[in-house]
Structures are given as C-alpha cells and as structure tokens.
Amino acid sequence: INKDLTLKGSDPTKVIIEGGVTISGNVTLENVTVEAA
C-alpha cells in the first residue's frame, strides 16, 4: 500500500487478508484480519 488509503471491512472475522501487508503511506486498516504463515 503505497498510497494514502483506508482498507475497511465489515468485521475482522469476515474479512481476511491471507498475506503480508507492506505500508508506505498514511494508511488505516479497519475491521480486517491479516493472517499468514
């Protein structure tokens, strides 16, 4: 995420990002799960 953005889900149990997140902007993560091995 290299832009100033908000990523917003409805509920962290319902919106899952399977992978890593690299941030280089002004960013909000809201109501999500970030999960990866």
PDB file of all heavy atoms in Angstrom:
ATOM      1  N   ILE A   1       0.867  -1.181   0.000  1.00  0.00           N
ATOM      2  CA  ILE A   1       0.000   0.000   0.000  1.00  0.00           C
ATOM      3  C   ILE A   1       0.899   1.224   0.000  1.00  0.00           C
ATOM      4  O   ILE A   1       1.464   1.602   1.019  1.00  0.00           O
ATOM      5  CB  ILE A   1      -0.938   0.010   1.224  1.00  0.00           C
ATOM      6  CG1 ILE A   1      -1.692  -1.314   1.340  1.00  0.00           C
ATOM      7  CG2 ILE A   1      -1.914   1.176   1.133  1.00  0.00           C
ATOM      8  CD1 ILE A   1      -2.550  -1.435   2.589  1.00  0.00           C
ATOM      9  N   ASN A   2       1.053   1.848  -1.161  1.00  0.00           N
ATOM     10  CA  ASN A   2       1.948   2.998  -1.309  1.00  0.00           C
ATOM     11  C   ASN A   2       1.171   4.276  -1.587  1.00  0.00           C
ATOM     12  O   ASN A   2       1.706   5.239  -2.132  1.00  0.00           O
ATOM     13  CB  ASN A   2       2.971   2.737  -2.414  1.00  0.00           C
ATOM     14  CG  ASN A   2       2.310   2.330  -3.724  1.00  0.00           C
ATOM     15  OD1 ASN A   2       1.083   2.364  -3.843  1.00  0.00           O
ATOM     16  ND2 ASN A   2       3.109   1.931  -4.686  1.00  0.00           N
ATOM     17  N   LYS A   3      -0.113   4.264  -1.218  1.00  0.00           N
ATOM     18  CA  LYS A   3      -0.957   5.456  -1.312  1.00  0.00           C
ATOM     19  C   LYS A   3      -1.629   5.678   0.042  1.00  0.00           C
ATOM     20  O   LYS A   3      -1.697   4.760   0.863  1.00  0.00           O
ATOM     21  CB  LYS A   3      -2.034   5.269  -2.392  1.00  0.00           C
ATOM     22  CG  LYS A   3      -1.502   5.049  -3.798  1.00  0.00           C
ATOM     23  CD  LYS A   3      -2.642   4.801  -4.780  1.00  0.00           C
ATOM     24  CE  LYS A   3      -2.128   4.545  -6.182  1.00  0.00           C
ATOM     25  NZ  LYS A   3      -3.235   4.268  -7.146  1.00  0.00           N
ATOM     26  N   ASP A   4      -2.129   6.880   0.252  1.00  0.00           N
ATOM     27  CA  ASP A   4      -2.827   7.190   1.499  1.00  0.00           C
ATOM     28  C   ASP A   4      -4.260   6.674   1.396  1.00  0.00           C
ATOM     29  O   ASP A   4      -5.127   7.334   0.809  1.00  0.00           O
ATOM     30  CB  ASP A   4      -2.821   8.701   1.750  1.00  0.00           C
ATOM     31  CG  ASP A   4      -1.418   9.264   1.916  1.00  0.00           C
ATOM     32  OD1 ASP A   4      -0.479   8.463   2.087  1.00  0.00           O
ATOM     33  OD2 ASP A   4      -1.268  10.491   1.870  1.00  0.00           O
ATOM     34  N   LEU A   5      -4.499   5.489   1.960  1.00  0.00           N
ATOM     35  CA  LEU A   5      -5.781   4.805   1.771  1.00  0.00           C
ATOM     36  C   LEU A   5      -6.301   4.233   3.078  1.00  0.00           C
ATOM     37  O   LEU A   5      -5.544   4.017   4.030  1.00  0.00           O
ATOM     38  CB  LEU A   5      -5.619   3.650   0.765  1.00  0.00           C
ATOM     39  CG  LEU A   5      -5.183   3.997  -0.656  1.00  0.00           C
ATOM     40  CD1 LEU A   5      -4.903   2.717  -1.444  1.00  0.00           C
ATOM     41  CD2 LEU A   5      -6.237   4.840  -1.368  1.00  0.00           C
ATOM     42  N   THR A   6      -7.602   3.936   3.083  1.00  0.00           N
ATOM     43  CA  THR A   6      -8.230   3.156   4.142  1.00  0.00           C
ATOM     44  C   THR A   6      -8.740   1.862   3.558  1.00  0.00           C
ATOM     45  O   THR A   6      -9.430   1.866   2.533  1.00  0.00           O
ATOM     46  CB  THR A   6      -9.415   3.928   4.774  1.00  0.00           C
ATOM     47  OG1 THR A   6      -8.913   5.093   5.439  1.00  0.00           O
ATOM     48  CG2 THR A   6     -10.152   3.071   5.783  1.00  0.00           C
ATOM     49  N   LEU A   7      -8.382   0.733   4.171  1.00  0.00           N
ATOM     50  CA  LEU A   7      -8.941  -0.574   3.816  1.00  0.00           C
ATOM     51  C   LEU A   7      -9.881  -0.966   4.938  1.00  0.00           C
ATOM     52  O   LEU A   7      -9.446  -1.172   6.081  1.00  0.00           O
ATOM     53  CB  LEU A   7      -7.838  -1.622   3.634  1.00  0.00           C
ATOM     54  CG  LEU A   7      -7.190  -1.718   2.244  1.00  0.00           C
ATOM     55  CD1 LEU A   7      -6.492  -0.412   1.887  1.00  0.00           C
ATOM     56  CD2 LEU A   7      -6.219  -2.888   2.183  1.00  0.00           C
ATOM     57  N   LYS A   8     -11.168  -1.070   4.620  1.00  0.00           N
ATOM     58  CA  LYS A   8     -12.186  -1.243   5.648  1.00  0.00           C
ATOM     59  C   LYS A   8     -13.077  -2.432   5.344  1.00  0.00           C
ATOM     60  O   LYS A   8     -13.644  -2.542   4.265  1.00  0.00           O
ATOM     61  CB  LYS A   8     -13.037   0.029   5.751  1.00  0.00           C
ATOM     62  CG  LYS A   8     -14.059   0.016   6.864  1.00  0.00           C
ATOM     63  CD  LYS A   8     -14.784   1.360   6.930  1.00  0.00           C
ATOM     64  CE  LYS A   8     -15.790   1.399   8.062  1.00  0.00           C
ATOM     65  NZ  LYS A   8     -16.470   2.721   8.137  1.00  0.00           N
ATOM     66  N   GLY A   9     -13.190  -3.342   6.309  1.00  0.00           N
ATOM     67  CA  GLY A   9     -14.096  -4.471   6.181  1.00  0.00           C
ATOM     68  C   GLY A   9     -15.317  -4.274   7.067  1.00  0.00           C
ATOM     69  O   GLY A   9     -15.464  -3.250   7.743  1.00  0.00           O
ATOM     70  N   SER A  10     -16.188  -5.289   7.083  1.00  0.00           N
ATOM     71  CA  SER A  10     -17.381  -5.227   7.927  1.00  0.00           C
ATOM     72  C   SER A  10     -17.105  -5.763   9.324  1.00  0.00           C
ATOM     73  O   SER A  10     -17.685  -5.299  10.307  1.00  0.00           O
ATOM     74  CB  SER A  10     -18.512  -6.033   7.287  1.00  0.00           C
ATOM     75  OG  SER A  10     -18.142  -7.410   7.198  1.00  0.00           O
ATOM     76  N   ASP A  11     -16.188  -6.767   9.389  1.00  0.00           N
ATOM     77  CA  ASP A  11     -15.911  -7.451  10.643  1.00  0.00           C
ATOM     78  C   ASP A  11     -14.625  -8.248  10.457  1.00  0.00           C
ATOM     79  O   ASP A  11     -14.457  -8.898   9.420  1.00  0.00           O
ATOM     80  CB  ASP A  11     -17.069  -8.396  10.995  1.00  0.00           C
ATOM     81  CG  ASP A  11     -16.913  -9.042  12.349  1.00  0.00           C
ATOM     82  OD1 ASP A  11     -16.033  -9.919  12.488  1.00  0.00           O
ATOM     83  OD2 ASP A  11     -17.663  -8.698  13.270  1.00  0.00           O
ATOM     84  N   PRO A  12     -13.698  -8.224  11.416  1.00  0.00           N
ATOM     85  CA  PRO A  12     -12.431  -8.935  11.217  1.00  0.00           C
ATOM     86  C   PRO A  12     -12.573 -10.450  11.099  1.00  0.00           C
ATOM     87  O   PRO A  12     -11.668 -11.110  10.597  1.00  0.00           O
ATOM     88  CB  PRO A  12     -11.603  -8.550  12.449  1.00  0.00           C
ATOM     89  CG  PRO A  12     -12.592  -8.097  13.451  1.00  0.00           C
ATOM     90  CD  PRO A  12     -13.725  -7.489  12.691  1.00  0.00           C
ATOM     91  N   THR A  13     -13.690 -11.004  11.558  1.00  0.00           N
ATOM     92  CA  THR A  13     -13.906 -12.450  11.397  1.00  0.00           C
ATOM     93  C   THR A  13     -14.444 -12.787  10.010  1.00  0.00           C
ATOM     94  O   THR A  13     -14.481 -13.953   9.627  1.00  0.00           O
ATOM     95  CB  THR A  13     -14.877 -12.982  12.460  1.00  0.00           C
ATOM     96  OG1 THR A  13     -16.176 -12.405  12.261  1.00  0.00           O
ATOM     97  CG2 THR A  13     -14.385 -12.667  13.858  1.00  0.00           C
ATOM     98  N   LYS A  14     -14.861 -11.771   9.267  1.00  0.00           N
ATOM     99  CA  LYS A  14     -15.472 -11.993   7.951  1.00  0.00           C
ATOM    100  C   LYS A  14     -14.615 -11.519   6.790  1.00  0.00           C
ATOM    101  O   LYS A  14     -14.848 -11.902   5.645  1.00  0.00           O
ATOM    102  CB  LYS A  14     -16.837 -11.299   7.894  1.00  0.00           C
ATOM    103  CG  LYS A  14     -17.852 -11.840   8.884  1.00  0.00           C
ATOM    104  CD  LYS A  14     -19.159 -11.076   8.792  1.00  0.00           C
ATOM    105  CE  LYS A  14     -20.189 -11.609   9.797  1.00  0.00           C
ATOM    106  NZ  LYS A  14     -21.463 -10.841   9.726  1.00  0.00           N
ATOM    107  N   VAL A  15     -13.646 -10.669   7.069  1.00  0.00           N
ATOM    108  CA  VAL A  15     -12.781 -10.133   6.014  1.00  0.00           C
ATOM    109  C   VAL A  15     -11.337 -10.483   6.376  1.00  0.00           C
ATOM    110  O   VAL A  15     -10.788  -9.971   7.355  1.00  0.00           O
ATOM    111  CB  VAL A  15     -12.941  -8.608   5.873  1.00  0.00           C
ATOM    112  CG1 VAL A  15     -12.003  -8.080   4.786  1.00  0.00           C
ATOM    113  CG2 VAL A  15     -14.385  -8.255   5.543  1.00  0.00           C
ATOM    114  N   ILE A  16     -10.740 -11.383   5.600  1.00  0.00           N
ATOM    115  CA  ILE A  16      -9.415 -11.921   5.926  1.00  0.00           C
ATOM    116  C   ILE A  16      -8.463 -11.687   4.752  1.00  0.00           C
ATOM    117  O   ILE A  16      -8.767 -12.057   3.610  1.00  0.00           O
ATOM    118  CB  ILE A  16      -9.492 -13.429   6.243  1.00  0.00           C
ATOM    119  CG1 ILE A  16     -10.413 -13.654   7.453  1.00  0.00           C
ATOM    120  CG2 ILE A  16      -8.100 -13.994   6.515  1.00  0.00           C
ATOM    121  CD1 ILE A  16     -10.737 -15.104   7.712  1.00  0.00           C
ATOM    122  N   ILE A  17      -7.327 -11.080   5.053  1.00  0.00           N
ATOM    123  CA  ILE A  17      -6.255 -10.930   4.075  1.00  0.00           C
ATOM    124  C   ILE A  17      -5.200 -11.978   4.398  1.00  0.00           C
ATOM    125  O   ILE A  17      -4.570 -11.917   5.453  1.00  0.00           O
ATOM    126  CB  ILE A  17      -5.650  -9.517   4.131  1.00  0.00           C
ATOM    127  CG1 ILE A  17      -6.710  -8.464   3.804  1.00  0.00           C
ATOM    128  CG2 ILE A  17      -4.461  -9.399   3.171  1.00  0.00           C
ATOM    129  CD1 ILE A  17      -6.260  -7.039   4.057  1.00  0.00           C
ATOM    130  N   GLU A  18      -5.051 -12.956   3.516  1.00  0.00           N
ATOM    131  CA  GLU A  18      -4.045 -14.004   3.719  1.00  0.00           C
ATOM    132  C   GLU A  18      -2.771 -13.599   2.989  1.00  0.00           C
ATOM    133  O   GLU A  18      -2.589 -13.889   1.812  1.00  0.00           O
ATOM    134  CB  GLU A  18      -4.564 -15.354   3.219  1.00  0.00           C
ATOM    135  CG  GLU A  18      -5.579 -15.999   4.137  1.00  0.00           C
ATOM    136  CD  GLU A  18      -5.820 -17.462   3.813  1.00  0.00           C
ATOM    137  OE1 GLU A  18      -5.349 -17.928   2.748  1.00  0.00           O
ATOM    138  OE2 GLU A  18      -6.480 -18.145   4.610  1.00  0.00           O
ATOM    139  N   GLY A  19      -1.902 -12.914   3.708  1.00  0.00           N
ATOM    140  CA  GLY A  19      -0.654 -12.444   3.129  1.00  0.00           C
ATOM    141  C   GLY A  19      -0.112 -11.294   3.940  1.00  0.00           C
ATOM    142  O   GLY A  19      -0.777 -10.789   4.855  1.00  0.00           O
ATOM    143  N   GLY A  20       1.092 -10.890   3.620  1.00  0.00           N
ATOM    144  CA  GLY A  20       1.704  -9.773   4.325  1.00  0.00           C
ATOM    145  C   GLY A  20       1.276  -8.447   3.723  1.00  0.00           C
ATOM    146  O   GLY A  20       0.923  -8.359   2.541  1.00  0.00           O
ATOM    147  N   VAL A  21       1.313  -7.399   4.538  1.00  0.00           N
ATOM    148  CA  VAL A  21       0.938  -6.060   4.092  1.00  0.00           C
ATOM    149  C   VAL A  21       2.101  -5.114   4.348  1.00  0.00           C
ATOM    150  O   VAL A  21       2.530  -4.948   5.495  1.00  0.00           O
ATOM    151  CB  VAL A  21      -0.323  -5.553   4.832  1.00  0.00           C
ATOM    152  CG1 VAL A  21      -0.678  -4.148   4.363  1.00  0.00           C
ATOM    153  CG2 VAL A  21      -1.503  -6.498   4.621  1.00  0.00           C
ATOM    154  N   THR A  22       2.628  -4.511   3.283  1.00  0.00           N
ATOM    155  CA  THR A  22       3.693  -3.521   3.398  1.00  0.00           C
ATOM    156  C   THR A  22       3.095  -2.143   3.172  1.00  0.00           C
ATOM    157  O   THR A  22       2.427  -1.907   2.164  1.00  0.00           O
ATOM    158  CB  THR A  22       4.812  -3.781   2.378  1.00  0.00           C
ATOM    159  OG1 THR A  22       5.370  -5.075   2.615  1.00  0.00           O
ATOM    160  CG2 THR A  22       5.913  -2.737   2.490  1.00  0.00           C
ATOM    161  N   ILE A  23       3.345  -1.234   4.112  1.00  0.00           N
ATOM    162  CA  ILE A  23       2.714   0.088   4.089  1.00  0.00           C
ATOM    163  C   ILE A  23       3.772   1.164   3.930  1.00  0.00           C
ATOM    164  O   ILE A  23       4.746   1.210   4.678  1.00  0.00           O
ATOM    165  CB  ILE A  23       1.920   0.323   5.387  1.00  0.00           C
ATOM    166  CG1 ILE A  23       0.734  -0.648   5.468  1.00  0.00           C
ATOM    167  CG2 ILE A  23       1.453   1.768   5.497  1.00  0.00           C
ATOM    168  CD1 ILE A  23       0.012  -0.618   6.802  1.00  0.00           C
ATOM    169  N   SER A  24       3.576   2.050   2.961  1.00  0.00           N
ATOM    170  CA  SER A  24       4.473   3.200   2.811  1.00  0.00           C
ATOM    171  C   SER A  24       3.662   4.459   2.542  1.00  0.00           C
ATOM    172  O   SER A  24       4.056   5.320   1.769  1.00  0.00           O
ATOM    173  CB  SER A  24       5.485   2.957   1.689  1.00  0.00           C
ATOM    174  OG  SER A  24       4.827   2.708   0.468  1.00  0.00           O
ATOM    175  N   GLY A  25       2.508   4.552   3.178  1.00  0.00           N
ATOM    176  CA  GLY A  25       1.669   5.740   3.072  1.00  0.00           C
ATOM    177  C   GLY A  25       0.959   5.970   4.390  1.00  0.00           C
ATOM    178  O   GLY A  25       1.204   5.284   5.380  1.00  0.00           O
ATOM    179  N   ASN A  26       0.077   6.959   4.416  1.00  0.00           N
ATOM    180  CA  ASN A  26      -0.807   7.163   5.556  1.00  0.00           C
ATOM    181  C   ASN A  26      -1.986   6.224   5.377  1.00  0.00           C
ATOM    182  O   ASN A  26      -2.832   6.443   4.497  1.00  0.00           O
ATOM    183  CB  ASN A  26      -1.274   8.616   5.623  1.00  0.00           C
ATOM    184  CG  ASN A  26      -0.125   9.575   5.849  1.00  0.00           C
ATOM    185  OD1 ASN A  26       0.616   9.448   6.807  1.00  0.00           O
ATOM    186  ND2 ASN A  26       0.041  10.535   4.958  1.00  0.00           N
ATOM    187  N   VAL A  27      -2.043   5.189   6.182  1.00  0.00           N
ATOM    188  CA  VAL A  27      -2.962   4.068   5.907  1.00  0.00           C
ATOM    189  C   VAL A  27      -3.749   3.714   7.163  1.00  0.00           C
ATOM    190  O   VAL A  27      -3.217   3.734   8.276  1.00  0.00           O
ATOM    191  CB  VAL A  27      -2.173   2.838   5.407  1.00  0.00           C
ATOM    192  CG1 VAL A  27      -3.073   1.598   5.340  1.00  0.00           C
ATOM    193  CG2 VAL A  27      -1.565   3.123   4.039  1.00  0.00           C
ATOM    194  N   THR A  28      -5.028   3.368   6.949  1.00  0.00           N
ATOM    195  CA  THR A  28      -5.858   2.815   8.012  1.00  0.00           C
ATOM    196  C   THR A  28      -6.333   1.427   7.602  1.00  0.00           C
ATOM    197  O   THR A  28      -6.853   1.242   6.497  1.00  0.00           O
ATOM    198  CB  THR A  28      -7.092   3.706   8.276  1.00  0.00           C
ATOM    199  OG1 THR A  28      -6.655   4.965   8.802  1.00  0.00           O
ATOM    200  CG2 THR A  28      -8.032   3.064   9.279  1.00  0.00           C
ATOM    201  N   LEU A  29      -6.111   0.449   8.482  1.00  0.00           N
ATOM    202  CA  LEU A  29      -6.712  -0.879   8.340  1.00  0.00           C
ATOM    203  C   LEU A  29      -7.796  -0.973   9.398  1.00  0.00           C
ATOM    204  O   LEU A  29      -7.533  -0.775  10.589  1.00  0.00           O
ATOM    205  CB  LEU A  29      -5.678  -1.980   8.551  1.00  0.00           C
ATOM    206  CG  LEU A  29      -4.475  -2.022   7.602  1.00  0.00           C
ATOM    207  CD1 LEU A  29      -3.553  -3.182   7.978  1.00  0.00           C
ATOM    208  CD2 LEU A  29      -4.913  -2.144   6.154  1.00  0.00           C
ATOM    209  N   GLU A  30      -9.021  -1.294   8.977  1.00  0.00           N
ATOM    210  CA  GLU A  30     -10.146  -1.302   9.914  1.00  0.00           C
ATOM    211  C   GLU A  30     -11.036  -2.516   9.670  1.00  0.00           C
ATOM    212  O   GLU A  30     -11.417  -2.801   8.534  1.00  0.00           O
ATOM    213  CB  GLU A  30     -10.955  -0.014   9.763  1.00  0.00           C
ATOM    214  CG  GLU A  30     -12.102   0.130  10.742  1.00  0.00           C
ATOM    215  CD  GLU A  30     -12.799   1.470  10.647  1.00  0.00           C
ATOM    216  OE1 GLU A  30     -12.312   2.358   9.919  1.00  0.00           O
ATOM    217  OE2 GLU A  30     -13.847   1.632  11.297  1.00  0.00           O
ATOM    218  N   ASN A  31     -11.347  -3.227  10.731  1.00  0.00           N
ATOM    219  CA  ASN A  31     -12.289  -4.364  10.678  1.00  0.00           C
ATOM    220  C   ASN A  31     -11.809  -5.471   9.738  1.00  0.00           C
ATOM    221  O   ASN A  31     -12.608  -6.041   8.983  1.00  0.00           O
ATOM    222  CB  ASN A  31     -13.689  -3.900  10.241  1.00  0.00           C
ATOM    223  CG  ASN A  31     -14.290  -2.873  11.163  1.00  0.00           C
ATOM    224  OD1 ASN A  31     -13.956  -2.821  12.346  1.00  0.00           O
ATOM    225  ND2 ASN A  31     -15.168  -2.043  10.631  1.00  0.00           N
ATOM    226  N   VAL A  32     -10.504  -5.788   9.758  1.00  0.00           N
ATOM    227  CA  VAL A  32      -9.980  -6.864   8.924  1.00  0.00           C
ATOM    228  C   VAL A  32      -9.046  -7.747   9.742  1.00  0.00           C
ATOM    229  O   VAL A  32      -8.534  -7.337  10.793  1.00  0.00           O
ATOM    230  CB  VAL A  32      -9.225  -6.325   7.678  1.00  0.00           C
ATOM    231  CG1 VAL A  32     -10.129  -5.460   6.823  1.00  0.00           C
ATOM    232  CG2 VAL A  32      -7.974  -5.566   8.076  1.00  0.00           C
ATOM    233  N   THR A  33      -8.818  -8.961   9.247  1.00  0.00           N
ATOM    234  CA  THR A  33      -7.784  -9.846   9.779  1.00  0.00           C
ATOM    235  C   THR A  33      -6.670  -9.954   8.755  1.00  0.00           C
ATOM    236  O   THR A  33      -6.928 -10.135   7.561  1.00  0.00           O
ATOM    237  CB  THR A  33      -8.349 -11.242  10.074  1.00  0.00           C
ATOM    238  OG1 THR A  33      -9.203 -11.176  11.222  1.00  0.00           O
ATOM    239  CG2 THR A  33      -7.240 -12.246  10.369  1.00  0.00           C
ATOM    240  N   VAL A  34      -5.426  -9.806   9.218  1.00  0.00           N
ATOM    241  CA  VAL A  34      -4.251 -10.067   8.384  1.00  0.00           C
ATOM    242  C   VAL A  34      -3.600 -11.315   8.951  1.00  0.00           C
ATOM    243  O   VAL A  34      -3.173 -11.340  10.108  1.00  0.00           O
ATOM    244  CB  VAL A  34      -3.268  -8.886   8.394  1.00  0.00           C
ATOM    245  CG1 VAL A  34      -2.037  -9.220   7.558  1.00  0.00           C
ATOM    246  CG2 VAL A  34      -3.944  -7.624   7.873  1.00  0.00           C
ATOM    247  N   GLU A  35      -3.526 -12.360   8.142  1.00  0.00           N
ATOM    248  CA  GLU A  35      -3.077 -13.663   8.634  1.00  0.00           C
ATOM    249  C   GLU A  35      -2.199 -14.335   7.589  1.00  0.00           C
ATOM    250  O   GLU A  35      -2.554 -14.387   6.408  1.00  0.00           O
ATOM    251  CB  GLU A  35      -4.296 -14.539   8.934  1.00  0.00           C
ATOM    252  CG  GLU A  35      -3.971 -15.886   9.528  1.00  0.00           C
ATOM    253  CD  GLU A  35      -5.241 -16.660   9.864  1.00  0.00           C
ATOM    254  OE1 GLU A  35      -5.910 -17.116   8.914  1.00  0.00           O
ATOM    255  OE2 GLU A  35      -5.553 -16.810  11.049  1.00  0.00           O
ATOM    256  N   ALA A  36      -1.040 -14.827   8.019  1.00  0.00           N
ATOM    257  CA  ALA A  36      -0.149 -15.510   7.090  1.00  0.00           C
ATOM    258  C   ALA A  36       0.864 -16.331   7.865  1.00  0.00           C
ATOM    259  O   ALA A  36       1.189 -16.018   9.009  1.00  0.00           O
ATOM    260  CB  ALA A  36       0.569 -14.513   6.184  1.00  0.00           C
ATOM    261  N   ALA A  37       1.372 -17.378   7.236  1.00  0.00           N
ATOM    262  CA  ALA A  37       2.444 -18.183   7.819  1.00  0.00           C
ATOM    263  C   ALA A  37       3.757 -17.743   7.180  1.00  0.00           C
ATOM    264  O   ALA A  37       4.390 -18.474   6.419  1.00  0.00           O
ATOM    265  CB  ALA A  37       2.187 -19.662   7.579  1.00  0.00           C
TER     266      ALA A  37
END
